[in-house]
Amino acid sequence: MKMYIGFISFFAGSFGYIVFRFLLKPVINYKRIKKSIIKNIKYFENENFTIDESKMICKKLNQNAKDLSNCYDTKMPVWYKTMLHENNEDVPDIVNILIKFESSRKKEHITAHIKELKNRLHI
């Protein structure tokens, strides 16, 4: 009897690990990256930002783009990609917008990218 309980416990633990590792962890990672993007773009809500001060934030947004692309392309489960697509949250478009921040040199361009990004992220 103890042997059966041991097998059941082993398989339950293995199943739980697989579900967490391959289904839940990528979704949690995506949401963490999305929160980081939202936190970084809050800097630009103040209209008095300067281009020189914003370079560090733009680099962080570029890193967010890399992380988001890696998460979406390699780890994201298909069911969650489908759900994002149905909610009109197109991750490749979001990544393209985030990449544009690094090359932006004018406030008007940055604010336009912020508006476009908020529309894509449904903020």
PDB file of N, CA and C in Angstrom:
ATOM      1  N   MET A   1       0.803  -1.192   0.000  1.00  0.00           N
ATOM      2  CA  MET A   1       0.000   0.000   0.000  1.00  0.00           C
ATOM      3  C   MET A   1       0.855   1.268   0.000  1.00  0.00           C
ATOM      4  N   LYS A   2       1.943   1.256   0.794  1.00  0.00           N
ATOM      5  CA  LYS A   2       2.821   2.408   0.834  1.00  0.00           C
ATOM      6  C   LYS A   2       3.486   2.648  -0.512  1.00  0.00           C
ATOM      7  N   MET A   3       3.703   1.573  -1.229  1.00  0.00           N
ATOM      8  CA  MET A   3       4.335   1.691  -2.545  1.00  0.00           C
ATOM      9  C   MET A   3       3.417   2.428  -3.520  1.00  0.00           C
ATOM     10  N   TYR A   4       2.116   2.144  -3.479  1.00  0.00           N
ATOM     11  CA  TYR A   4       1.149   2.823  -4.350  1.00  0.00           C
ATOM     12  C   TYR A   4       1.075   4.316  -4.020  1.00  0.00           C
ATOM     13  N   ILE A   5       1.075   4.622  -2.740  1.00  0.00           N
ATOM     14  CA  ILE A   5       1.029   6.027  -2.322  1.00  0.00           C
ATOM     15  C   ILE A   5       2.285   6.744  -2.810  1.00  0.00           C
ATOM     16  N   GLY A   6       3.411   6.064  -2.739  1.00  0.00           N
ATOM     17  CA  GLY A   6       4.668   6.645  -3.229  1.00  0.00           C
ATOM     18  C   GLY A   6       4.618   6.915  -4.726  1.00  0.00           C
ATOM     19  N   PHE A   7       4.090   5.971  -5.511  1.00  0.00           N
ATOM     20  CA  PHE A   7       3.967   6.171  -6.963  1.00  0.00           C
ATOM     21  C   PHE A   7       2.998   7.305  -7.284  1.00  0.00           C
ATOM     22  N   ILE A   8       1.875   7.322  -6.593  1.00  0.00           N
ATOM     23  CA  ILE A   8       0.880   8.373  -6.836  1.00  0.00           C
ATOM     24  C   ILE A   8       1.472   9.738  -6.495  1.00  0.00           C
ATOM     25  N   SER A   9       2.177   9.820  -5.372  1.00  0.00           N
ATOM     26  CA  SER A   9       2.797  11.087  -4.983  1.00  0.00           C
ATOM     27  C   SER A   9       3.840  11.524  -6.000  1.00  0.00           C
ATOM     28  N   PHE A  10       4.633  10.573  -6.478  1.00  0.00           N
ATOM     29  CA  PHE A  10       5.662  10.890  -7.465  1.00  0.00           C
ATOM     30  C   PHE A  10       5.032  11.418  -8.757  1.00  0.00           C
ATOM     31  N   PHE A  11       4.007  10.743  -9.254  1.00  0.00           N
ATOM     32  CA  PHE A  11       3.377  11.165 -10.502  1.00  0.00           C
ATOM     33  C   PHE A  11       2.614  12.483 -10.325  1.00  0.00           C
ATOM     34  N   ALA A  12       1.991  12.688  -9.166  1.00  0.00           N
ATOM     35  CA  ALA A  12       1.299  13.958  -8.911  1.00  0.00           C
ATOM     36  C   ALA A  12       2.301  15.108  -8.871  1.00  0.00           C
ATOM     37  N   GLY A  13       3.425  14.896  -8.214  1.00  0.00           N
ATOM     38  CA  GLY A  13       4.467  15.921  -8.168  1.00  0.00           C
ATOM     39  C   GLY A  13       5.046  16.204  -9.536  1.00  0.00           C
ATOM     40  N   SER A  14       5.281  15.153 -10.319  1.00  0.00           N
ATOM     41  CA  SER A  14       5.805  15.325 -11.675  1.00  0.00           C
ATOM     42  C   SER A  14       4.824  16.076 -12.557  1.00  0.00           C
ATOM     43  N   PHE A  15       3.561  15.729 -12.446  1.00  0.00           N
ATOM     44  CA  PHE A  15       2.531  16.411 -13.232  1.00  0.00           C
ATOM     45  C   PHE A  15       2.445  17.885 -12.852  1.00  0.00           C
ATOM     46  N   GLY A  16       2.483  18.166 -11.554  1.00  0.00           N
ATOM     47  CA  GLY A  16       2.431  19.544 -11.088  1.00  0.00           C
ATOM     48  C   GLY A  16       3.621  20.350 -11.589  1.00  0.00           C
ATOM     49  N   TYR A  17       4.801  19.738 -11.585  1.00  0.00           N
ATOM     50  CA  TYR A  17       5.992  20.413 -12.077  1.00  0.00           C
ATOM     51  C   TYR A  17       5.857  20.738 -13.563  1.00  0.00           C
ATOM     52  N   ILE A  18       5.385  19.794 -14.334  1.00  0.00           N
ATOM     53  CA  ILE A  18       5.240  19.998 -15.785  1.00  0.00           C
ATOM     54  C   ILE A  18       4.223  21.098 -16.070  1.00  0.00           C
ATOM     55  N   VAL A  19       3.101  21.072 -15.368  1.00  0.00           N
ATOM     56  CA  VAL A  19       2.079  22.107 -15.572  1.00  0.00           C
ATOM     57  C   VAL A  19       2.648  23.473 -15.231  1.00  0.00           C
ATOM     58  N   PHE A  20       3.325  23.587 -14.094  1.00  0.00           N
ATOM     59  CA  PHE A  20       3.880  24.874 -13.705  1.00  0.00           C
ATOM     60  C   PHE A  20       4.971  25.327 -14.663  1.00  0.00           C
ATOM     61  N   ARG A  21       5.905  24.443 -14.964  1.00  0.00           N
ATOM     62  CA  ARG A  21       7.078  24.813 -15.758  1.00  0.00           C
ATOM     63  C   ARG A  21       6.724  25.201 -17.190  1.00  0.00           C
ATOM     64  N   PHE A  22       5.833  24.460 -17.823  1.00  0.00           N
ATOM     65  CA  PHE A  22       5.574  24.677 -19.244  1.00  0.00           C
ATOM     66  C   PHE A  22       4.288  25.439 -19.540  1.00  0.00           C
ATOM     67  N   LEU A  23       3.391  25.559 -18.586  1.00  0.00           N
ATOM     68  CA  LEU A  23       2.139  26.270 -18.847  1.00  0.00           C
ATOM     69  C   LEU A  23       2.005  27.560 -18.042  1.00  0.00           C
ATOM     70  N   LEU A  24       2.351  27.535 -16.773  1.00  0.00           N
ATOM     71  CA  LEU A  24       2.119  28.697 -15.930  1.00  0.00           C
ATOM     72  C   LEU A  24       3.308  29.650 -15.861  1.00  0.00           C
ATOM     73  N   LYS A  25       4.513  29.131 -15.791  1.00  0.00           N
ATOM     74  CA  LYS A  25       5.692  29.994 -15.647  1.00  0.00           C
ATOM     75  C   LYS A  25       5.856  30.962 -16.820  1.00  0.00           C
ATOM     76  N   PRO A  26       5.675  30.538 -18.082  1.00  0.00           N
ATOM     77  CA  PRO A  26       5.774  31.512 -19.179  1.00  0.00           C
ATOM     78  C   PRO A  26       4.715  32.612 -19.109  1.00  0.00           C
ATOM     79  N   VAL A  27       3.513  32.273 -18.656  1.00  0.00           N
ATOM     80  CA  VAL A  27       2.450  33.268 -18.528  1.00  0.00           C
ATOM     81  C   VAL A  27       2.809  34.259 -17.419  1.00  0.00           C
ATOM     82  N   ILE A  28       3.310  33.761 -16.314  1.00  0.00           N
ATOM     83  CA  ILE A  28       3.737  34.634 -15.216  1.00  0.00           C
ATOM     84  C   ILE A  28       4.888  35.526 -15.677  1.00  0.00           C
ATOM     85  N   ASN A  29       5.818  34.972 -16.427  1.00  0.00           N
ATOM     86  CA  ASN A  29       6.942  35.748 -16.947  1.00  0.00           C
ATOM     87  C   ASN A  29       6.460  36.844 -17.902  1.00  0.00           C
ATOM     88  N   TYR A  30       5.502  36.529 -18.760  1.00  0.00           N
ATOM     89  CA  TYR A  30       4.929  37.522 -19.674  1.00  0.00           C
ATOM     90  C   TYR A  30       4.303  38.672 -18.893  1.00  0.00           C
ATOM     91  N   LYS A  31       3.539  38.339 -17.866  1.00  0.00           N
ATOM     92  CA  LYS A  31       2.885  39.377 -17.073  1.00  0.00           C
ATOM     93  C   LYS A  31       3.904  40.228 -16.318  1.00  0.00           C
ATOM     94  N   ARG A  32       5.009  39.618 -15.880  1.00  0.00           N
ATOM     95  CA  ARG A  32       6.068  40.364 -15.209  1.00  0.00           C
ATOM     96  C   ARG A  32       6.715  41.354 -16.175  1.00  0.00           C
ATOM     97  N   ILE A  33       6.976  40.925 -17.399  1.00  0.00           N
ATOM     98  CA  ILE A  33       7.566  41.808 -18.407  1.00  0.00           C
ATOM     99  C   ILE A  33       6.599  42.941 -18.745  1.00  0.00           C
ATOM    100  N   LYS A  34       5.329  42.614 -18.862  1.00  0.00           N
ATOM    101  CA  LYS A  34       4.325  43.636 -19.168  1.00  0.00           C
ATOM    102  C   LYS A  34       4.259  44.683 -18.056  1.00  0.00           C
ATOM    103  N   LYS A  35       4.328  44.257 -16.795  1.00  0.00           N
ATOM    104  CA  LYS A  35       4.346  45.204 -15.682  1.00  0.00           C
ATOM    105  C   LYS A  35       5.587  46.088 -15.730  1.00  0.00           C
ATOM    106  N   SER A  36       6.701  45.511 -16.112  1.00  0.00           N
ATOM    107  CA  SER A  36       7.934  46.285 -16.234  1.00  0.00           C
ATOM    108  C   SER A  36       7.811  47.343 -17.329  1.00  0.00           C
ATOM    109  N   ILE A  37       7.182  46.984 -18.437  1.00  0.00           N
ATOM    110  CA  ILE A  37       6.964  47.946 -19.529  1.00  0.00           C
ATOM    111  C   ILE A  37       6.084  49.089 -19.043  1.00  0.00           C
ATOM    112  N   ILE A  38       5.008  48.762 -18.355  1.00  0.00           N
ATOM    113  CA  ILE A  38       4.096  49.785 -17.848  1.00  0.00           C
ATOM    114  C   ILE A  38       4.825  50.708 -16.865  1.00  0.00           C
ATOM    115  N   LYS A  39       5.645  50.115 -16.005  1.00  0.00           N
ATOM    116  CA  LYS A  39       6.413  50.908 -15.045  1.00  0.00           C
ATOM    117  C   LYS A  39       7.372  51.851 -15.777  1.00  0.00           C
ATOM    118  N   ASN A  40       8.020  51.370 -16.821  1.00  0.00           N
ATOM    119  CA  ASN A  40       8.987  52.187 -17.550  1.00  0.00           C
ATOM    120  C   ASN A  40       8.320  53.309 -18.344  1.00  0.00           C
ATOM    121  N   ILE A  41       7.145  53.062 -18.901  1.00  0.00           N
ATOM    122  CA  ILE A  41       6.525  54.131 -19.692  1.00  0.00           C
ATOM    123  C   ILE A  41       5.864  55.189 -18.815  1.00  0.00           C
ATOM    124  N   LYS A  42       5.669  54.899 -17.524  1.00  0.00           N
ATOM    125  CA  LYS A  42       5.124  55.912 -16.619  1.00  0.00           C
ATOM    126  C   LYS A  42       6.062  57.110 -16.523  1.00  0.00           C
ATOM    127  N   TYR A  43       7.328  56.901 -16.748  1.00  0.00           N
ATOM    128  CA  TYR A  43       8.299  58.005 -16.741  1.00  0.00           C
ATOM    129  C   TYR A  43       7.920  59.055 -17.784  1.00  0.00           C
ATOM    130  N   PHE A  44       7.411  58.614 -18.917  1.00  0.00           N
ATOM    131  CA  PHE A  44       7.113  59.522 -20.018  1.00  0.00           C
ATOM    132  C   PHE A  44       5.760  60.218 -19.865  1.00  0.00           C
ATOM    133  N   GLU A  45       4.972  59.851 -18.865  1.00  0.00           N
ATOM    134  CA  GLU A  45       3.691  60.516 -18.670  1.00  0.00           C
ATOM    135  C   GLU A  45       3.879  61.971 -18.245  1.00  0.00           C
ATOM    136  N   ASN A  46       5.009  62.255 -17.618  1.00  0.00           N
ATOM    137  CA  ASN A  46       5.343  63.627 -17.291  1.00  0.00           C
ATOM    138  C   ASN A  46       5.850  64.288 -18.568  1.00  0.00           C
ATOM    139  N   GLU A  47       5.171  65.271 -19.033  1.00  0.00           N
ATOM    140  CA  GLU A  47       5.513  65.919 -20.303  1.00  0.00           C
ATOM    141  C   GLU A  47       6.835  66.683 -20.250  1.00  0.00           C
ATOM    142  N   ASN A  48       7.400  66.859 -19.068  1.00  0.00           N
ATOM    143  CA  ASN A  48       8.628  67.643 -18.919  1.00  0.00           C
ATOM    144  C   ASN A  48       9.897  66.808 -19.027  1.00  0.00           C
ATOM    145  N   PHE A  49       9.807  65.596 -19.521  1.00  0.00           N
ATOM    146  CA  PHE A  49      11.010  64.770 -19.620  1.00  0.00           C
ATOM    147  C   PHE A  49      11.924  65.317 -20.716  1.00  0.00           C
ATOM    148  N   THR A  50      13.218  65.030 -20.547  1.00  0.00           N
ATOM    149  CA  THR A  50      14.192  65.438 -21.562  1.00  0.00           C
ATOM    150  C   THR A  50      14.722  64.197 -22.263  1.00  0.00           C
ATOM    151  N   ILE A  51      15.225  64.405 -23.444  1.00  0.00           N
ATOM    152  CA  ILE A  51      15.747  63.288 -24.240  1.00  0.00           C
ATOM    153  C   ILE A  51      16.949  62.658 -23.548  1.00  0.00           C
ATOM    154  N   ASP A  52      17.814  63.479 -22.970  1.00  0.00           N
ATOM    155  CA  ASP A  52      19.006  62.950 -22.307  1.00  0.00           C
ATOM    156  C   ASP A  52      18.643  62.058 -21.119  1.00  0.00           C
ATOM    157  N   GLU A  53      17.659  62.483 -20.337  1.00  0.00           N
ATOM    158  CA  GLU A  53      17.226  61.693 -19.185  1.00  0.00           C
ATOM    159  C   GLU A  53      16.508  60.415 -19.605  1.00  0.00           C
ATOM    160  N   SER A  54      15.893  60.450 -20.750  1.00  0.00           N
ATOM    161  CA  SER A  54      15.082  59.306 -21.172  1.00  0.00           C
ATOM    162  C   SER A  54      15.900  58.184 -21.814  1.00  0.00           C
ATOM    163  N   LYS A  55      17.177  58.403 -22.063  1.00  0.00           N
ATOM    164  CA  LYS A  55      17.984  57.365 -22.715  1.00  0.00           C
ATOM    165  C   LYS A  55      18.036  56.073 -21.907  1.00  0.00           C
ATOM    166  N   MET A  56      18.159  56.200 -20.588  1.00  0.00           N
ATOM    167  CA  MET A  56      18.228  54.998 -19.744  1.00  0.00           C
ATOM    168  C   MET A  56      16.900  54.236 -19.790  1.00  0.00           C
ATOM    169  N   ILE A  57      15.794  54.959 -19.746  1.00  0.00           N
ATOM    170  CA  ILE A  57      14.475  54.319 -19.816  1.00  0.00           C
ATOM    171  C   ILE A  57      14.295  53.650 -21.175  1.00  0.00           C
ATOM    172  N   CYS A  58      14.770  54.296 -22.229  1.00  0.00           N
ATOM    173  CA  CYS A  58      14.665  53.708 -23.571  1.00  0.00           C
ATOM    174  C   CYS A  58      15.480  52.425 -23.672  1.00  0.00           C
ATOM    175  N   LYS A  59      16.625  52.393 -23.011  1.00  0.00           N
ATOM    176  CA  LYS A  59      17.423  51.152 -22.993  1.00  0.00           C
ATOM    177  C   LYS A  59      16.684  50.049 -22.237  1.00  0.00           C
ATOM    178  N   LYS A  60      16.019  50.419 -21.139  1.00  0.00           N
ATOM    179  CA  LYS A  60      15.228  49.428 -20.393  1.00  0.00           C
ATOM    180  C   LYS A  60      14.080  48.904 -21.250  1.00  0.00           C
ATOM    181  N   LEU A  61      13.443  49.797 -21.999  1.00  0.00           N
ATOM    182  CA  LEU A  61      12.356  49.361 -22.880  1.00  0.00           C
ATOM    183  C   LEU A  61      12.872  48.462 -23.994  1.00  0.00           C
ATOM    184  N   ASN A  62      14.075  48.738 -24.476  1.00  0.00           N
ATOM    185  CA  ASN A  62      14.686  47.867 -25.483  1.00  0.00           C
ATOM    186  C   ASN A  62      14.958  46.486 -24.896  1.00  0.00           C
ATOM    187  N   GLN A  63      15.420  46.436 -23.649  1.00  0.00           N
ATOM    188  CA  GLN A  63      15.628  45.144 -22.982  1.00  0.00           C
ATOM    189  C   GLN A  63      14.292  44.444 -22.767  1.00  0.00           C
ATOM    190  N   ASN A  64      13.249  45.198 -22.426  1.00  0.00           N
ATOM    191  CA  ASN A  64      11.915  44.609 -22.312  1.00  0.00           C
ATOM    192  C   ASN A  64      11.471  43.994 -23.629  1.00  0.00           C
ATOM    193  N   ALA A  65      11.803  44.655 -24.740  1.00  0.00           N
ATOM    194  CA  ALA A  65      11.451  44.124 -26.066  1.00  0.00           C
ATOM    195  C   ALA A  65      12.152  42.797 -26.311  1.00  0.00           C
ATOM    196  N   LYS A  66      13.421  42.719 -25.950  1.00  0.00           N
ATOM    197  CA  LYS A  66      14.164  41.456 -26.130  1.00  0.00           C
ATOM    198  C   LYS A  66      13.567  40.350 -25.269  1.00  0.00           C
ATOM    199  N   ASP A  67      13.298  40.682 -23.999  1.00  0.00           N
ATOM    200  CA  ASP A  67      12.732  39.681 -23.088  1.00  0.00           C
ATOM    201  C   ASP A  67      11.348  39.224 -23.551  1.00  0.00           C
ATOM    202  N   LEU A  68      10.541  40.175 -23.992  1.00  0.00           N
ATOM    203  CA  LEU A  68       9.187  39.857 -24.449  1.00  0.00           C
ATOM    204  C   LEU A  68       9.224  38.985 -25.699  1.00  0.00           C
ATOM    205  N   SER A  69      10.101  39.313 -26.616  1.00  0.00           N
ATOM    206  CA  SER A  69      10.226  38.530 -27.842  1.00  0.00           C
ATOM    207  C   SER A  69      10.689  37.106 -27.534  1.00  0.00           C
ATOM    208  N   ASN A  70      11.677  36.982 -26.656  1.00  0.00           N
ATOM    209  CA  ASN A  70      12.178  35.661 -26.277  1.00  0.00           C
ATOM    210  C   ASN A  70      11.090  34.845 -25.587  1.00  0.00           C
ATOM    211  N   CYS A  71      10.373  35.471 -24.680  1.00  0.00           N
ATOM    212  CA  CYS A  71       9.298  34.777 -23.963  1.00  0.00           C
ATOM    213  C   CYS A  71       8.212  34.324 -24.920  1.00  0.00           C
ATOM    214  N   TYR A  72       7.812  35.199 -25.828  1.00  0.00           N
ATOM    215  CA  TYR A  72       6.718  34.886 -26.756  1.00  0.00           C
ATOM    216  C   TYR A  72       7.127  33.824 -27.772  1.00  0.00           C
ATOM    217  N   ASP A  73       8.326  33.946 -28.315  1.00  0.00           N
ATOM    218  CA  ASP A  73       8.743  33.043 -29.392  1.00  0.00           C
ATOM    219  C   ASP A  73       9.127  31.653 -28.911  1.00  0.00           C
ATOM    220  N   THR A  74       9.714  31.539 -27.729  1.00  0.00           N
ATOM    221  CA  THR A  74      10.266  30.248 -27.332  1.00  0.00           C
ATOM    222  C   THR A  74       9.502  29.541 -26.230  1.00  0.00           C
ATOM    223  N   LYS A  75       8.860  30.287 -25.339  1.00  0.00           N
ATOM    224  CA  LYS A  75       8.310  29.647 -24.147  1.00  0.00           C
ATOM    225  C   LYS A  75       6.795  29.708 -24.021  1.00  0.00           C
ATOM    226  N   MET A  76       6.163  30.644 -24.702  1.00  0.00           N
ATOM    227  CA  MET A  76       4.735  30.888 -24.513  1.00  0.00           C
ATOM    228  C   MET A  76       3.898  29.719 -25.049  1.00  0.00           C
ATOM    229  N   PRO A  77       2.980  29.198 -24.212  1.00  0.00           N
ATOM    230  CA  PRO A  77       2.110  28.124 -24.699  1.00  0.00           C
ATOM    231  C   PRO A  77       1.157  28.640 -25.779  1.00  0.00           C
ATOM    232  N   VAL A  78       0.785  27.775 -26.675  1.00  0.00           N
ATOM    233  CA  VAL A  78      -0.058  28.146 -27.811  1.00  0.00           C
ATOM    234  C   VAL A  78      -1.412  28.676 -27.353  1.00  0.00           C
ATOM    235  N   TRP A  79      -1.981  28.085 -26.321  1.00  0.00           N
ATOM    236  CA  TRP A  79      -3.296  28.528 -25.856  1.00  0.00           C
ATOM    237  C   TRP A  79      -3.241  29.977 -25.372  1.00  0.00           C
ATOM    238  N   TYR A  80      -2.117  30.398 -24.769  1.00  0.00           N
ATOM    239  CA  TYR A  80      -2.017  31.774 -24.290  1.00  0.00           C
ATOM    240  C   TYR A  80      -1.755  32.733 -25.445  1.00  0.00           C
ATOM    241  N   LYS A  81      -0.995  32.280 -26.443  1.00  0.00           N
ATOM    242  CA  LYS A  81      -0.797  33.100 -27.644  1.00  0.00           C
ATOM    243  C   LYS A  81      -2.141  33.356 -28.326  1.00  0.00           C
ATOM    244  N   THR A  82      -2.961  32.316 -28.387  1.00  0.00           N
ATOM    245  CA  THR A  82      -4.287  32.444 -28.994  1.00  0.00           C
ATOM    246  C   THR A  82      -5.155  33.417 -28.204  1.00  0.00           C
ATOM    247  N   MET A  83      -5.091  33.330 -26.879  1.00  0.00           N
ATOM    248  CA  MET A  83      -5.869  34.231 -26.051  1.00  0.00           C
ATOM    249  C   MET A  83      -5.415  35.684 -26.239  1.00  0.00           C
ATOM    250  N   LEU A  84      -4.106  35.904 -26.314  1.00  0.00           N
ATOM    251  CA  LEU A  84      -3.589  37.254 -26.552  1.00  0.00           C
ATOM    252  C   LEU A  84      -4.047  37.779 -27.908  1.00  0.00           C
ATOM    253  N   HIS A  85      -4.003  36.905 -28.896  1.00  0.00           N
ATOM    254  CA  HIS A  85      -4.426  37.301 -30.236  1.00  0.00           C
ATOM    255  C   HIS A  85      -5.910  37.669 -30.260  1.00  0.00           C
ATOM    256  N   GLU A  86      -6.737  36.898 -29.561  1.00  0.00           N
ATOM    257  CA  GLU A  86      -8.174  37.191 -29.500  1.00  0.00           C
ATOM    258  C   GLU A  86      -8.451  38.502 -28.773  1.00  0.00           C
ATOM    259  N   ASN A  87      -7.575  38.869 -27.827  1.00  0.00           N
ATOM    260  CA  ASN A  87      -7.727  40.132 -27.095  1.00  0.00           C
ATOM    261  C   ASN A  87      -7.038  41.293 -27.811  1.00  0.00           C
ATOM    262  N   ASN A  88      -6.620  41.070 -29.052  1.00  0.00           N
ATOM    263  CA  ASN A  88      -5.940  42.080 -29.868  1.00  0.00           C
ATOM    264  C   ASN A  88      -4.672  42.609 -29.208  1.00  0.00           C
ATOM    265  N   GLU A  89      -3.981  41.763 -28.498  1.00  0.00           N
ATOM    266  CA  GLU A  89      -2.703  42.113 -27.884  1.00  0.00           C
ATOM    267  C   GLU A  89      -1.620  41.405 -28.697  1.00  0.00           C
ATOM    268  N   ASP A  90      -1.223  42.045 -29.774  1.00  0.00           N
ATOM    269  CA  ASP A  90      -0.288  41.439 -30.723  1.00  0.00           C
ATOM    270  C   ASP A  90       1.143  41.694 -30.265  1.00  0.00           C
ATOM    271  N   VAL A  91       1.769  40.678 -29.708  1.00  0.00           N
ATOM    272  CA  VAL A  91       3.094  40.823 -29.104  1.00  0.00           C
ATOM    273  C   VAL A  91       4.163  41.239 -30.111  1.00  0.00           C
ATOM    274  N   PRO A  92       4.217  40.691 -31.332  1.00  0.00           N
ATOM    275  CA  PRO A  92       5.240  41.185 -32.272  1.00  0.00           C
ATOM    276  C   PRO A  92       5.122  42.678 -32.569  1.00  0.00           C
ATOM    277  N   ASP A  93       3.903  43.193 -32.630  1.00  0.00           N
ATOM    278  CA  ASP A  93       3.729  44.640 -32.826  1.00  0.00           C
ATOM    279  C   ASP A  93       4.216  45.423 -31.611  1.00  0.00           C
ATOM    280  N   ILE A  94       3.940  44.907 -30.423  1.00  0.00           N
ATOM    281  CA  ILE A  94       4.407  45.562 -29.195  1.00  0.00           C
ATOM    282  C   ILE A  94       5.932  45.603 -29.166  1.00  0.00           C
ATOM    283  N   VAL A  95       6.552  44.504 -29.558  1.00  0.00           N
ATOM    284  CA  VAL A  95       8.021  44.456 -29.600  1.00  0.00           C
ATOM    285  C   VAL A  95       8.560  45.484 -30.593  1.00  0.00           C
ATOM    286  N   ASN A  96       7.937  45.596 -31.748  1.00  0.00           N
ATOM    287  CA  ASN A  96       8.381  46.582 -32.741  1.00  0.00           C
ATOM    288  C   ASN A  96       8.271  48.010 -32.215  1.00  0.00           C
ATOM    289  N   ILE A  97       7.207  48.301 -31.490  1.00  0.00           N
ATOM    290  CA  ILE A  97       7.052  49.635 -30.910  1.00  0.00           C
ATOM    291  C   ILE A  97       8.133  49.883 -29.863  1.00  0.00           C
ATOM    292  N   LEU A  98       8.399  48.887 -29.031  1.00  0.00           N
ATOM    293  CA  LEU A  98       9.414  49.053 -27.987  1.00  0.00           C
ATOM    294  C   LEU A  98      10.804  49.295 -28.580  1.00  0.00           C
ATOM    295  N   ILE A  99      11.090  48.654 -29.690  1.00  0.00           N
ATOM    296  CA  ILE A  99      12.393  48.842 -30.336  1.00  0.00           C
ATOM    297  C   ILE A  99      12.538  50.263 -30.866  1.00  0.00           C
ATOM    298  N   LYS A 100      11.443  50.876 -31.267  1.00  0.00           N
ATOM    299  CA  LYS A 100      11.489  52.234 -31.813  1.00  0.00           C
ATOM    300  C   LYS A 100      11.940  53.266 -30.780  1.00  0.00           C
ATOM    301  N   PHE A 101      11.750  52.990 -29.501  1.00  0.00           N
ATOM    302  CA  PHE A 101      12.111  53.964 -28.471  1.00  0.00           C
ATOM    303  C   PHE A 101      13.604  54.290 -28.483  1.00  0.00           C
ATOM    304  N   GLU A 102      14.426  53.291 -28.712  1.00  0.00           N
ATOM    305  CA  GLU A 102      15.882  53.497 -28.653  1.00  0.00           C
ATOM    306  C   GLU A 102      16.353  54.495 -29.704  1.00  0.00           C
ATOM    307  N   SER A 103      15.712  54.517 -30.848  1.00  0.00           N
ATOM    308  CA  SER A 103      16.154  55.415 -31.915  1.00  0.00           C
ATOM    309  C   SER A 103      15.401  56.749 -31.938  1.00  0.00           C
ATOM    310  N   SER A 104      14.452  56.916 -31.034  1.00  0.00           N
ATOM    311  CA  SER A 104      13.676  58.156 -31.008  1.00  0.00           C
ATOM    312  C   SER A 104      14.516  59.285 -30.419  1.00  0.00           C
ATOM    313  N   ARG A 105      14.528  60.413 -31.124  1.00  0.00           N
ATOM    314  CA  ARG A 105      15.327  61.558 -30.684  1.00  0.00           C
ATOM    315  C   ARG A 105      14.466  62.787 -30.375  1.00  0.00           C
ATOM    316  N   LYS A 106      13.175  62.700 -30.629  1.00  0.00           N
ATOM    317  CA  LYS A 106      12.294  63.841 -30.384  1.00  0.00           C
ATOM    318  C   LYS A 106      11.184  63.429 -29.424  1.00  0.00           C
ATOM    319  N   LYS A 107      10.775  64.390 -28.602  1.00  0.00           N
ATOM    320  CA  LYS A 107       9.703  64.142 -27.641  1.00  0.00           C
ATOM    321  C   LYS A 107       8.410  63.731 -28.327  1.00  0.00           C
ATOM    322  N   GLU A 108       8.146  64.330 -29.473  1.00  0.00           N
ATOM    323  CA  GLU A 108       6.903  64.037 -30.189  1.00  0.00           C
ATOM    324  C   GLU A 108       6.859  62.567 -30.623  1.00  0.00           C
ATOM    325  N   HIS A 109       8.012  62.054 -31.051  1.00  0.00           N
ATOM    326  CA  HIS A 109       8.066  60.654 -31.469  1.00  0.00           C
ATOM    327  C   HIS A 109       7.836  59.732 -30.272  1.00  0.00           C
ATOM    328  N   ILE A 110       8.469  60.076 -29.160  1.00  0.00           N
ATOM    329  CA  ILE A 110       8.323  59.244 -27.963  1.00  0.00           C
ATOM    330  C   ILE A 110       6.874  59.245 -27.480  1.00  0.00           C
ATOM    331  N   THR A 111       6.246  60.400 -27.446  1.00  0.00           N
ATOM    332  CA  THR A 111       4.856  60.440 -26.990  1.00  0.00           C
ATOM    333  C   THR A 111       3.924  59.691 -27.955  1.00  0.00           C
ATOM    334  N   ALA A 112       4.231  59.753 -29.252  1.00  0.00           N
ATOM    335  CA  ALA A 112       3.439  58.982 -30.223  1.00  0.00           C
ATOM    336  C   ALA A 112       3.607  57.486 -29.991  1.00  0.00           C
ATOM    337  N   HIS A 113       4.842  57.069 -29.707  1.00  0.00           N
ATOM    338  CA  HIS A 113       5.088  55.644 -29.430  1.00  0.00           C
ATOM    339  C   HIS A 113       4.382  55.214 -28.142  1.00  0.00           C
ATOM    340  N   ILE A 114       4.354  56.097 -27.144  1.00  0.00           N
ATOM    341  CA  ILE A 114       3.683  55.784 -25.882  1.00  0.00           C
ATOM    342  C   ILE A 114       2.186  55.562 -26.123  1.00  0.00           C
ATOM    343  N   LYS A 115       1.563  56.442 -26.893  1.00  0.00           N
ATOM    344  CA  LYS A 115       0.134  56.297 -27.183  1.00  0.00           C
ATOM    345  C   LYS A 115      -0.142  54.997 -27.927  1.00  0.00           C
ATOM    346  N   GLU A 116       0.705  54.701 -28.907  1.00  0.00           N
ATOM    347  CA  GLU A 116       0.525  53.469 -29.684  1.00  0.00           C
ATOM    348  C   GLU A 116       0.719  52.242 -28.789  1.00  0.00           C
ATOM    349  N   LEU A 117       1.712  52.304 -27.906  1.00  0.00           N
ATOM    350  CA  LEU A 117       1.984  51.191 -27.007  1.00  0.00           C
ATOM    351  C   LEU A 117       0.836  50.983 -26.026  1.00  0.00           C
ATOM    352  N   LYS A 118       0.287  52.048 -25.513  1.00  0.00           N
ATOM    353  CA  LYS A 118      -0.859  51.931 -24.585  1.00  0.00           C
ATOM    354  C   LYS A 118      -2.059  51.316 -25.280  1.00  0.00           C
ATOM    355  N   ASN A 119      -2.266  51.666 -26.550  1.00  0.00           N
ATOM    356  CA  ASN A 119      -3.367  51.058 -27.296  1.00  0.00           C
ATOM    357  C   ASN A 119      -3.155  49.569 -27.494  1.00  0.00           C
ATOM    358  N   ARG A 120      -1.911  49.181 -27.768  1.00  0.00           N
ATOM    359  CA  ARG A 120      -1.613  47.748 -27.999  1.00  0.00           C
ATOM    360  C   ARG A 120      -1.679  46.927 -26.713  1.00  0.00           C
ATOM    361  N   LEU A 121      -1.264  47.548 -25.597  1.00  0.00           N
ATOM    362  CA  LEU A 121      -1.255  46.837 -24.315  1.00  0.00           C
ATOM    363  C   LEU A 121      -2.594  46.944 -23.590  1.00  0.00           C
ATOM    364  N   HIS A 122      -3.514  47.743 -24.122  1.00  0.00           N
ATOM    365  CA  HIS A 122      -4.824  47.954 -23.507  1.00  0.00           C
ATOM    366  C   HIS A 122      -4.697  48.512 -22.095  1.00  0.00           C
ATOM    367  N   ILE A 123      -3.913  49.563 -21.980  1.00  0.00           N
ATOM    368  CA  ILE A 123      -3.706  50.215 -20.681  1.00  0.00           C
ATOM    369  C   ILE A 123      -4.694  51.368 -20.571  1.00  0.00           C
TER     370      ILE A 123
END
